[in-house]
Full PDB file with SEQRES, HELIX, SHEET, SSBOND, CRYST1, ORIGX, SCALE, CONECT and MASTER records, all heavy atoms in Angstrom:
SEQRES   1 A   38  THR LEU VAL LEU ILE SER SER GLY TYR HIS GLY ALA SER          
SEQRES   2 A   38  ALA ALA GLY ALA TYR LEU VAL LYS GLY LEU ILE LYS PHE          
SEQRES   3 A   38  PRO SER PRO GLU LEU ASN ASN GLN MET ILE TYR MET              
HELIX    1 AA1 TYR A    9  GLY A   11  5                                   3    
HELIX    2 AA2 PRO A   29  GLN A   34  1                                   6    
SHEET    1 AA1 2 LEU A   2  SER A   7  0                                        
SHEET    2 AA1 2 SER A  13  TYR A  18 -1                                        
CRYST1    1.000    1.000    1.000  90.00  90.00  90.00 P 1           1          
ORIGX1      1.000000  0.000000  0.000000        0.00000                         
ORIGX2      0.000000  1.000000  0.000000        0.00000                         
ORIGX3      0.000000  0.000000  1.000000        0.00000                         
SCALE1      1.000000  0.000000  0.000000        0.00000                         
SCALE2      0.000000  1.000000  0.000000        0.00000                         
SCALE3      0.000000  0.000000  1.000000        0.00000                         
ATOM      1  N   THR A   1     113.342 104.738  91.634  1.00  0.00           N  
ATOM      2  CA  THR A   1     114.175 103.866  92.465  1.00  0.00           C  
ATOM      3  C   THR A   1     114.605 102.653  91.648  1.00  0.00           C  
ATOM      4  O   THR A   1     113.784 102.029  90.966  1.00  0.00           O  
ATOM      5  CB  THR A   1     113.418 103.403  93.728  1.00  0.00           C  
ATOM      6  OG1 THR A   1     113.070 104.549  94.500  1.00  0.00           O  
ATOM      7  CG2 THR A   1     114.291 102.479  94.561  1.00  0.00           C  
ATOM      8  N   LEU A   2     115.897 102.352  91.707  1.00  0.00           N  
ATOM      9  CA  LEU A   2     116.461 101.231  90.957  1.00  0.00           C  
ATOM     10  C   LEU A   2     116.909 100.157  91.957  1.00  0.00           C  
ATOM     11  O   LEU A   2     117.667 100.434  92.887  1.00  0.00           O  
ATOM     12  CB  LEU A   2     117.663 101.701  90.130  1.00  0.00           C  
ATOM     13  CG  LEU A   2     118.209 100.747  89.064  1.00  0.00           C  
ATOM     14  CD1 LEU A   2     117.155 100.476  88.007  1.00  0.00           C  
ATOM     15  CD2 LEU A   2     119.458 101.331  88.431  1.00  0.00           C  
ATOM     16  N   VAL A   3     116.423  98.947  91.769  1.00  0.00           N  
ATOM     17  CA  VAL A   3     116.797  97.828  92.635  1.00  0.00           C  
ATOM     18  C   VAL A   3     117.938  97.054  91.980  1.00  0.00           C  
ATOM     19  O   VAL A   3     117.817  96.602  90.840  1.00  0.00           O  
ATOM     20  CB  VAL A   3     115.596  96.894  92.890  1.00  0.00           C  
ATOM     21  CG1 VAL A   3     116.039  95.695  93.729  1.00  0.00           C  
ATOM     22  CG2 VAL A   3     114.479  97.651  93.588  1.00  0.00           C  
ATOM     23  N   LEU A   4     119.043  96.918  92.698  1.00  0.00           N  
ATOM     24  CA  LEU A   4     120.217  96.222  92.188  1.00  0.00           C  
ATOM     25  C   LEU A   4     120.402  94.911  92.939  1.00  0.00           C  
ATOM     26  O   LEU A   4     120.288  94.862  94.175  1.00  0.00           O  
ATOM     27  CB  LEU A   4     121.475  97.083  92.359  1.00  0.00           C  
ATOM     28  CG  LEU A   4     121.446  98.472  91.722  1.00  0.00           C  
ATOM     29  CD1 LEU A   4     122.767  99.194  91.970  1.00  0.00           C  
ATOM     30  CD2 LEU A   4     121.170  98.374  90.229  1.00  0.00           C  
ATOM     31  N   ILE A   5     120.692  93.836  92.183  1.00  0.00           N  
ATOM     32  CA  ILE A   5     120.945  92.520  92.773  1.00  0.00           C  
ATOM     33  C   ILE A   5     122.217  91.975  92.150  1.00  0.00           C  
ATOM     34  O   ILE A   5     122.362  91.945  90.924  1.00  0.00           O  
ATOM     35  CB  ILE A   5     119.770  91.545  92.541  1.00  0.00           C  
ATOM     36  CG1 ILE A   5     118.483  92.092  93.151  1.00  0.00           C  
ATOM     37  CG2 ILE A   5     120.097  90.165  93.112  1.00  0.00           C  
ATOM     38  CD1 ILE A   5     117.264  91.250  92.844  1.00  0.00           C  
ATOM     39  N   SER A   6     123.177  91.557  92.989  1.00  0.00           N  
ATOM     40  CA  SER A   6     124.447  91.056  92.471  1.00  0.00           C  
ATOM     41  C   SER A   6     125.084  90.144  93.510  1.00  0.00           C  
ATOM     42  O   SER A   6     124.449  89.741  94.486  1.00  0.00           O  
ATOM     43  CB  SER A   6     125.368  92.241  92.132  1.00  0.00           C  
ATOM     44  OG  SER A   6     126.574  91.769  91.562  1.00  0.00           O  
ATOM     45  N   SER A   7     126.346  89.809  93.284  1.00  0.00           N  
ATOM     46  CA  SER A   7     127.126  89.021  94.243  1.00  0.00           C  
ATOM     47  C   SER A   7     128.170  89.921  94.880  1.00  0.00           C  
ATOM     48  O   SER A   7     128.859  90.675  94.170  1.00  0.00           O  
ATOM     49  CB  SER A   7     127.829  87.845  93.551  1.00  0.00           C  
ATOM     50  OG  SER A   7     126.879  86.953  92.999  1.00  0.00           O  
ATOM     51  N   GLY A   8     128.288  89.821  96.194  1.00  0.00           N  
ATOM     52  CA  GLY A   8     129.209  90.678  96.915  1.00  0.00           C  
ATOM     53  C   GLY A   8     130.544  90.005  97.193  1.00  0.00           C  
ATOM     54  O   GLY A   8     130.879  88.952  96.625  1.00  0.00           O  
ATOM     55  N   TYR A   9     131.284  90.601  98.077  1.00  0.00           N  
ATOM     56  CA  TYR A   9     132.616  90.131  98.446  1.00  0.00           C  
ATOM     57  C   TYR A   9     132.533  88.749  99.093  1.00  0.00           C  
ATOM     58  O   TYR A   9     131.692  88.508  99.951  1.00  0.00           O  
ATOM     59  CB  TYR A   9     133.234  91.150  99.397  1.00  0.00           C  
ATOM     60  CG  TYR A   9     134.679  90.886  99.747  1.00  0.00           C  
ATOM     61  CD1 TYR A   9     135.646  90.737  98.751  1.00  0.00           C  
ATOM     62  CD2 TYR A   9     135.078  90.790 101.076  1.00  0.00           C  
ATOM     63  CE1 TYR A   9     136.967  90.505  99.064  1.00  0.00           C  
ATOM     64  CE2 TYR A   9     136.401  90.568 101.402  1.00  0.00           C  
ATOM     65  CZ  TYR A   9     137.343  90.416 100.394  1.00  0.00           C  
ATOM     66  OH  TYR A   9     138.653  90.179 100.726  1.00  0.00           O  
ATOM     67  N   HIS A  10     133.423  87.835  98.634  1.00  0.00           N  
ATOM     68  CA  HIS A  10     133.449  86.457  99.141  1.00  0.00           C  
ATOM     69  C   HIS A  10     132.106  85.744  98.964  1.00  0.00           C  
ATOM     70  O   HIS A  10     131.700  84.923  99.800  1.00  0.00           O  
ATOM     71  CB  HIS A  10     133.847  86.431 100.624  1.00  0.00           C  
ATOM     72  CG  HIS A  10     135.325  86.587 100.843  1.00  0.00           C  
ATOM     73  ND1 HIS A  10     136.276  86.041 100.006  1.00  0.00           N  
ATOM     74  CD2 HIS A  10     136.018  87.231 101.823  1.00  0.00           C  
ATOM     75  CE1 HIS A  10     137.482  86.338 100.450  1.00  0.00           C  
ATOM     76  NE2 HIS A  10     137.361  87.080 101.544  1.00  0.00           N  
ATOM     77  N   GLY A  11     131.376  86.070  97.867  1.00  0.00           N  
ATOM     78  CA  GLY A  11     130.134  85.367  97.557  1.00  0.00           C  
ATOM     79  C   GLY A  11     128.930  85.818  98.342  1.00  0.00           C  
ATOM     80  O   GLY A  11     127.866  85.192  98.244  1.00  0.00           O  
ATOM     81  N   ALA A  12     129.070  86.896  99.100  1.00  0.00           N  
ATOM     82  CA  ALA A  12     127.925  87.388  99.865  1.00  0.00           C  
ATOM     83  C   ALA A  12     126.876  87.959  98.922  1.00  0.00           C  
ATOM     84  O   ALA A  12     127.193  88.435  97.830  1.00  0.00           O  
ATOM     85  CB  ALA A  12     128.373  88.456 100.856  1.00  0.00           C  
ATOM     86  N   SER A  13     125.631  87.891  99.343  1.00  0.00           N  
ATOM     87  CA  SER A  13     124.551  88.453  98.530  1.00  0.00           C  
ATOM     88  C   SER A  13     124.625  89.974  98.564  1.00  0.00           C  
ATOM     89  O   SER A  13     124.911  90.574  99.607  1.00  0.00           O  
ATOM     90  CB  SER A  13     123.187  87.987  99.048  1.00  0.00           C  
ATOM     91  OG  SER A  13     123.085  86.575  98.939  1.00  0.00           O  
ATOM     92  N   ALA A  14     124.366  90.571  97.401  1.00  0.00           N  
ATOM     93  CA  ALA A  14     124.382  92.037  97.299  1.00  0.00           C  
ATOM     94  C   ALA A  14     123.050  92.482  96.743  1.00  0.00           C  
ATOM     95  O   ALA A  14     122.654  92.073  95.646  1.00  0.00           O  
ATOM     96  CB  ALA A  14     125.526  92.495  96.395  1.00  0.00           C  
ATOM     97  N   ALA A  15     122.328  93.292  97.514  1.00  0.00           N  
ATOM     98  CA  ALA A  15     121.032  93.794  97.075  1.00  0.00           C  
ATOM     99  C   ALA A  15     120.786  95.141  97.721  1.00  0.00           C  
ATOM    100  O   ALA A  15     121.235  95.399  98.842  1.00  0.00           O  
ATOM    101  CB  ALA A  15     119.921  92.816  97.433  1.00  0.00           C  
ATOM    102  N   GLY A  16     120.110  96.002  96.969  1.00  0.00           N  
ATOM    103  CA  GLY A  16     119.818  97.317  97.524  1.00  0.00           C  
ATOM    104  C   GLY A  16     118.949  98.110  96.580  1.00  0.00           C  
ATOM    105  O   GLY A  16     118.875  97.842  95.375  1.00  0.00           O  
ATOM    106  N   ALA A  17     118.237  99.084  97.143  1.00  0.00           N  
ATOM    107  CA  ALA A  17     117.392  99.992  96.359  1.00  0.00           C  
ATOM    108  C   ALA A  17     118.023 101.377  96.389  1.00  0.00           C  
ATOM    109  O   ALA A  17     118.364 101.883  97.463  1.00  0.00           O  
ATOM    110  CB  ALA A  17     115.977 100.024  96.933  1.00  0.00           C  
ATOM    111  N   TYR A  18     118.174 101.982  95.212  1.00  0.00           N  
ATOM    112  CA  TYR A  18     118.900 103.253  95.121  1.00  0.00           C  
ATOM    113  C   TYR A  18     118.104 104.256  94.304  1.00  0.00           C  
ATOM    114  O   TYR A  18     117.525 103.918  93.264  1.00  0.00           O  
ATOM    115  CB  TYR A  18     120.278 103.034  94.483  1.00  0.00           C  
ATOM    116  CG  TYR A  18     121.156 102.118  95.305  1.00  0.00           C  
ATOM    117  CD1 TYR A  18     121.151 100.743  95.059  1.00  0.00           C  
ATOM    118  CD2 TYR A  18     121.944 102.609  96.324  1.00  0.00           C  
ATOM    119  CE1 TYR A  18     121.932  99.890  95.824  1.00  0.00           C  
ATOM    120  CE2 TYR A  18     122.743 101.771  97.083  1.00  0.00           C  
ATOM    121  CZ  TYR A  18     122.728 100.417  96.832  1.00  0.00           C  
ATOM    122  OH  TYR A  18     123.507  99.579  97.589  1.00  0.00           O  
ATOM    123  N   LEU A  19     118.094 105.488  94.771  1.00  0.00           N  
ATOM    124  CA  LEU A  19     117.386 106.566  94.111  1.00  0.00           C  
ATOM    125  C   LEU A  19     118.218 107.091  92.938  1.00  0.00           C  
ATOM    126  O   LEU A  19     119.412 107.334  93.076  1.00  0.00           O  
ATOM    127  CB  LEU A  19     117.116 107.698  95.102  1.00  0.00           C  
ATOM    128  CG  LEU A  19     116.320 108.902  94.579  1.00  0.00           C  
ATOM    129  CD1 LEU A  19     114.884 108.500  94.265  1.00  0.00           C  
ATOM    130  CD2 LEU A  19     116.348 110.041  95.599  1.00  0.00           C  
ATOM    131  N   VAL A  20     117.577 107.230  91.786  1.00  0.00           N  
ATOM    132  CA  VAL A  20     118.254 107.796  90.618  1.00  0.00           C  
ATOM    133  C   VAL A  20     118.283 109.318  90.779  1.00  0.00           C  
ATOM    134  O   VAL A  20     117.250 109.980  90.728  1.00  0.00           O  
ATOM    135  CB  VAL A  20     117.533 107.407  89.301  1.00  0.00           C  
ATOM    136  CG1 VAL A  20     118.248 108.040  88.110  1.00  0.00           C  
ATOM    137  CG2 VAL A  20     117.484 105.889  89.158  1.00  0.00           C  
ATOM    138  N   LYS A  21     119.482 109.871  90.954  1.00  0.00           N  
ATOM    139  CA  LYS A  21     119.603 111.314  91.205  1.00  0.00           C  
ATOM    140  C   LYS A  21     119.979 112.116  89.966  1.00  0.00           C  
ATOM    141  O   LYS A  21     119.924 113.341  89.970  1.00  0.00           O  
ATOM    142  CB  LYS A  21     120.645 111.551  92.304  1.00  0.00           C  
ATOM    143  CG  LYS A  21     120.215 111.036  93.666  1.00  0.00           C  
ATOM    144  CD  LYS A  21     121.200 111.460  94.745  1.00  0.00           C  
ATOM    145  CE  LYS A  21     120.710 111.036  96.122  1.00  0.00           C  
ATOM    146  NZ  LYS A  21     121.645 111.475  97.198  1.00  0.00           N  
ATOM    147  N   GLY A  22     120.380 111.435  88.904  1.00  0.00           N  
ATOM    148  CA  GLY A  22     120.751 112.168  87.695  1.00  0.00           C  
ATOM    149  C   GLY A  22     121.090 111.221  86.569  1.00  0.00           C  
ATOM    150  O   GLY A  22     121.326 110.028  86.788  1.00  0.00           O  
ATOM    151  N   LEU A  23     121.105 111.741  85.340  1.00  0.00           N  
ATOM    152  CA  LEU A  23     121.450 110.955  84.161  1.00  0.00           C  
ATOM    153  C   LEU A  23     122.672 111.579  83.487  1.00  0.00           C  
ATOM    154  O   LEU A  23     122.777 112.801  83.382  1.00  0.00           O  
ATOM    155  CB  LEU A  23     120.286 110.905  83.166  1.00  0.00           C  
ATOM    156  CG  LEU A  23     118.977 110.285  83.684  1.00  0.00           C  
ATOM    157  CD1 LEU A  23     117.914 110.339  82.589  1.00  0.00           C  
ATOM    158  CD2 LEU A  23     119.199 108.852  84.137  1.00  0.00           C  
ATOM    159  N   ILE A  24     123.584 110.730  83.034  1.00  0.00           N  
ATOM    160  CA  ILE A  24     124.805 111.172  82.360  1.00  0.00           C  
ATOM    161  C   ILE A  24     124.769 110.679  80.918  1.00  0.00           C  
ATOM    162  O   ILE A  24     124.433 109.515  80.671  1.00  0.00           O  
ATOM    163  CB  ILE A  24     126.065 110.623  83.061  1.00  0.00           C  
ATOM    164  CG1 ILE A  24     126.096 111.081  84.513  1.00  0.00           C  
ATOM    165  CG2 ILE A  24     127.331 111.069  82.339  1.00  0.00           C  
ATOM    166  CD1 ILE A  24     127.229 110.444  85.317  1.00  0.00           C  
ATOM    167  N   LYS A  25     125.115 111.563  79.999  1.00  0.00           N  
ATOM    168  CA  LYS A  25     125.211 111.171  78.599  1.00  0.00           C  
ATOM    169  C   LYS A  25     126.682 111.150  78.196  1.00  0.00           C  
ATOM    170  O   LYS A  25     127.365 112.166  78.253  1.00  0.00           O  
ATOM    171  CB  LYS A  25     124.443 112.137  77.692  1.00  0.00           C  
ATOM    172  CG  LYS A  25     124.505 111.719  76.215  1.00  0.00           C  
ATOM    173  CD  LYS A  25     123.725 112.671  75.328  1.00  0.00           C  
ATOM    174  CE  LYS A  25     123.817 112.224  73.873  1.00  0.00           C  
ATOM    175  NZ  LYS A  25     123.079 113.116  72.960  1.00  0.00           N  
ATOM    176  N   PHE A  26     127.164 109.972  77.787  1.00  0.00           N  
ATOM    177  CA  PHE A  26     128.549 109.817  77.351  1.00  0.00           C  
ATOM    178  C   PHE A  26     128.618 109.775  75.829  1.00  0.00           C  
ATOM    179  O   PHE A  26     127.735 109.220  75.175  1.00  0.00           O  
ATOM    180  CB  PHE A  26     129.142 108.520  77.900  1.00  0.00           C  
ATOM    181  CG  PHE A  26     129.719 108.662  79.277  1.00  0.00           C  
ATOM    182  CD1 PHE A  26     129.022 108.204  80.376  1.00  0.00           C  
ATOM    183  CD2 PHE A  26     130.962 109.249  79.469  1.00  0.00           C  
ATOM    184  CE1 PHE A  26     129.540 108.331  81.645  1.00  0.00           C  
ATOM    185  CE2 PHE A  26     131.488 109.375  80.727  1.00  0.00           C  
ATOM    186  CZ  PHE A  26     130.785 108.919  81.827  1.00  0.00           C  
ATOM    187  N   PRO A  27     129.681 110.340  75.242  1.00  0.00           N  
ATOM    188  CA  PRO A  27     129.861 110.220  73.790  1.00  0.00           C  
ATOM    189  C   PRO A  27     130.055 108.774  73.339  1.00  0.00           C  
ATOM    190  O   PRO A  27     129.762 108.442  72.206  1.00  0.00           O  
ATOM    191  CB  PRO A  27     131.119 111.055  73.522  1.00  0.00           C  
ATOM    192  CG  PRO A  27     131.219 111.977  74.678  1.00  0.00           C  
ATOM    193  CD  PRO A  27     130.677 111.219  75.843  1.00  0.00           C  
ATOM    194  N   SER A  28     130.555 107.926  74.244  1.00  0.00           N  
ATOM    195  CA  SER A  28     130.765 106.524  73.913  1.00  0.00           C  
ATOM    196  C   SER A  28     129.472 105.741  74.131  1.00  0.00           C  
ATOM    197  O   SER A  28     128.985 105.653  75.268  1.00  0.00           O  
ATOM    198  CB  SER A  28     131.880 105.927  74.790  1.00  0.00           C  
ATOM    199  OG  SER A  28     131.928 104.521  74.632  1.00  0.00           O  
ATOM    200  N   PRO A  29     128.887 105.161  73.074  1.00  0.00           N  
ATOM    201  CA  PRO A  29     127.647 104.389  73.244  1.00  0.00           C  
ATOM    202  C   PRO A  29     127.811 103.240  74.240  1.00  0.00           C  
ATOM    203  O   PRO A  29     126.875 102.909  74.970  1.00  0.00           O  
ATOM    204  CB  PRO A  29     127.357 103.871  71.829  1.00  0.00           C  
ATOM    205  CG  PRO A  29     128.059 104.827  70.923  1.00  0.00           C  
ATOM    206  CD  PRO A  29     129.296 105.244  71.665  1.00  0.00           C  
ATOM    207  N   GLU A  30     128.998 102.612  74.257  1.00  0.00           N  
ATOM    208  CA  GLU A  30     129.212 101.480  75.165  1.00  0.00           C  
ATOM    209  C   GLU A  30     129.085 101.914  76.616  1.00  0.00           C  
ATOM    210  O   GLU A  30     128.423 101.251  77.418  1.00  0.00           O  
ATOM    211  CB  GLU A  30     130.595 100.876  74.904  1.00  0.00           C  
ATOM    212  CG  GLU A  30     130.863  99.623  75.742  1.00  0.00           C  
ATOM    213  CD  GLU A  30     132.215  99.016  75.421  1.00  0.00           C  
ATOM    214  OE1 GLU A  30     132.915  99.554  74.529  1.00  0.00           O  
ATOM    215  OE2 GLU A  30     132.572  98.014  76.060  1.00  0.00           O  
ATOM    216  N   LEU A  31     129.716 103.038  76.966  1.00  0.00           N  
ATOM    217  CA  LEU A  31     129.613 103.533  78.336  1.00  0.00           C  
ATOM    218  C   LEU A  31     128.205 104.044  78.633  1.00  0.00           C  
ATOM    219  O   LEU A  31     127.692 103.881  79.739  1.00  0.00           O  
ATOM    220  CB  LEU A  31     130.627 104.655  78.566  1.00  0.00           C  
ATOM    221  CG  LEU A  31     132.106 104.271  78.551  1.00  0.00           C  
ATOM    222  CD1 LEU A  31     132.972 105.513  78.708  1.00  0.00           C  
ATOM    223  CD2 LEU A  31     132.420 103.277  79.652  1.00  0.00           C  
ATOM    224  N   ASN A  32     127.596 104.643  77.648  1.00  0.00           N  
ATOM    225  CA  ASN A  32     126.282 105.251  77.855  1.00  0.00           C  
ATOM    226  C   ASN A  32     125.183 104.214  78.065  1.00  0.00           C  
ATOM    227  O   ASN A  32     124.164 104.506  78.684  1.00  0.00           O  
ATOM    228  CB  ASN A  32     125.936 106.131  76.647  1.00  0.00           C  
ATOM    229  CG  ASN A  32     124.926 107.201  76.978  1.00  0.00           C  
ATOM    230  OD1 ASN A  32     125.059 107.899  77.965  1.00  0.00           O  
ATOM    231  ND2 ASN A  32     123.907 107.326  76.148  1.00  0.00           N  
ATOM    232  N   ASN A  33     125.407 102.983  77.567  1.00  0.00           N  
ATOM    233  CA  ASN A  33     124.347 101.974  77.591  1.00  0.00           C  
ATOM    234  C   ASN A  33     124.492 100.939  78.694  1.00  0.00           C  
ATOM    235  O   ASN A  33     123.614 100.077  78.835  1.00  0.00           O  
ATOM    236  CB  ASN A  33     124.292 101.241  76.242  1.00  0.00           C  
ATOM    237  CG  ASN A  33     123.835 102.140  75.118  1.00  0.00           C  
ATOM    238  OD1 ASN A  33     123.113 103.102  75.337  1.00  0.00           O  
ATOM    239  ND2 ASN A  33     124.277 101.842  73.909  1.00  0.00           N  
ATOM    240  N   GLN A  34     125.566 100.989  79.471  1.00  0.00           N  
ATOM    241  CA  GLN A  34     125.740  99.891  80.423  1.00  0.00           C  
ATOM    242  C   GLN A  34     126.298 100.306  81.785  1.00  0.00           C  
ATOM    243  O   GLN A  34     126.567  99.443  82.616  1.00  0.00           O  
ATOM    244  CB  GLN A  34     126.686  98.837  79.826  1.00  0.00           C  
ATOM    245  CG  GLN A  34     128.106  99.320  79.612  1.00  0.00           C  
ATOM    246  CD  GLN A  34     128.990  98.244  78.998  1.00  0.00           C  
ATOM    247  OE1 GLN A  34     128.504  97.365  78.307  1.00  0.00           O  
ATOM    248  NE2 GLN A  34     130.269  98.300  79.263  1.00  0.00           N  
ATOM    249  N   MET A  35     126.445 101.590  82.038  1.00  0.00           N  
ATOM    250  CA  MET A  35     127.110 102.003  83.279  1.00  0.00           C  
ATOM    251  C   MET A  35     126.133 102.623  84.283  1.00  0.00           C  
ATOM    252  O   MET A  35     125.220 103.359  83.909  1.00  0.00           O  
ATOM    253  CB  MET A  35     128.222 103.008  82.976  1.00  0.00           C  
ATOM    254  CG  MET A  35     129.321 102.471  82.074  1.00  0.00           C  
ATOM    255  SD  MET A  35     130.258 101.128  82.817  1.00  0.00           S  
ATOM    256  CE  MET A  35     131.123 102.015  84.090  1.00  0.00           C  
ATOM    257  N   ILE A  36     126.356 102.294  85.552  1.00  0.00           N  
ATOM    258  CA  ILE A  36     125.690 102.952  86.673  1.00  0.00           C  
ATOM    259  C   ILE A  36     126.783 103.505  87.576  1.00  0.00           C  
ATOM    260  O   ILE A  36     127.739 102.794  87.908  1.00  0.00           O  
ATOM    261  CB  ILE A  36     124.799 101.982  87.476  1.00  0.00           C  
ATOM    262  CG1 ILE A  36     123.618 101.505  86.625  1.00  0.00           C  
ATOM    263  CG2 ILE A  36     124.289 102.638  88.756  1.00  0.00           C  
ATOM    264  CD1 ILE A  36     122.773 100.452  87.326  1.00  0.00           C  
ATOM    265  N   TYR A  37     126.663 104.763  87.963  1.00  0.00           N  
ATOM    266  CA  TYR A  37     127.661 105.391  88.824  1.00  0.00           C  
ATOM    267  C   TYR A  37     127.080 105.590  90.221  1.00  0.00           C  
ATOM    268  O   TYR A  37     125.987 106.134  90.378  1.00  0.00           O  
ATOM    269  CB  TYR A  37     128.105 106.732  88.227  1.00  0.00           C  
ATOM    270  CG  TYR A  37     128.971 106.551  87.009  1.00  0.00           C  
ATOM    271  CD1 TYR A  37     128.394 106.376  85.761  1.00  0.00           C  
ATOM    272  CD2 TYR A  37     130.354 106.498  87.111  1.00  0.00           C  
ATOM    273  CE1 TYR A  37     129.168 106.173  84.638  1.00  0.00           C  
ATOM    274  CE2 TYR A  37     131.145 106.300  85.988  1.00  0.00           C  
ATOM    275  CZ  TYR A  37     130.544 106.143  84.760  1.00  0.00           C  
ATOM    276  OH  TYR A  37     131.324 105.926  83.642  1.00  0.00           O  
ATOM    277  N   MET A  38     127.859 105.129  91.208  1.00  0.00           N  
ATOM    278  CA  MET A  38     127.453 105.236  92.602  1.00  0.00           C  
ATOM    279  C   MET A  38     128.594 105.855  93.396  1.00  0.00           C  
ATOM    280  O   MET A  38     129.763 105.727  93.018  1.00  0.00           O  
ATOM    281  CB  MET A  38     127.139 103.843  93.183  1.00  0.00           C  
ATOM    282  CG  MET A  38     126.050 103.089  92.451  1.00  0.00           C  
ATOM    283  SD  MET A  38     125.939 101.350  92.996  1.00  0.00           S  
ATOM    284  CE  MET A  38     125.514 101.569  94.716  1.00  0.00           C  
TER     285      MET A  38                                                      
MASTER        0    0    0    2    2    0    0    6  284    1    0    3          
END                                                                             
């Protein structure tokens, strides 16, 4: 489970716990090291 904390629309708090259902390997190291897909 991955807990995400951020800022939402119009400054609202954004928080949630999400189950990791799979891993993606990208040829681009930049995309592979910093992306979460929901």
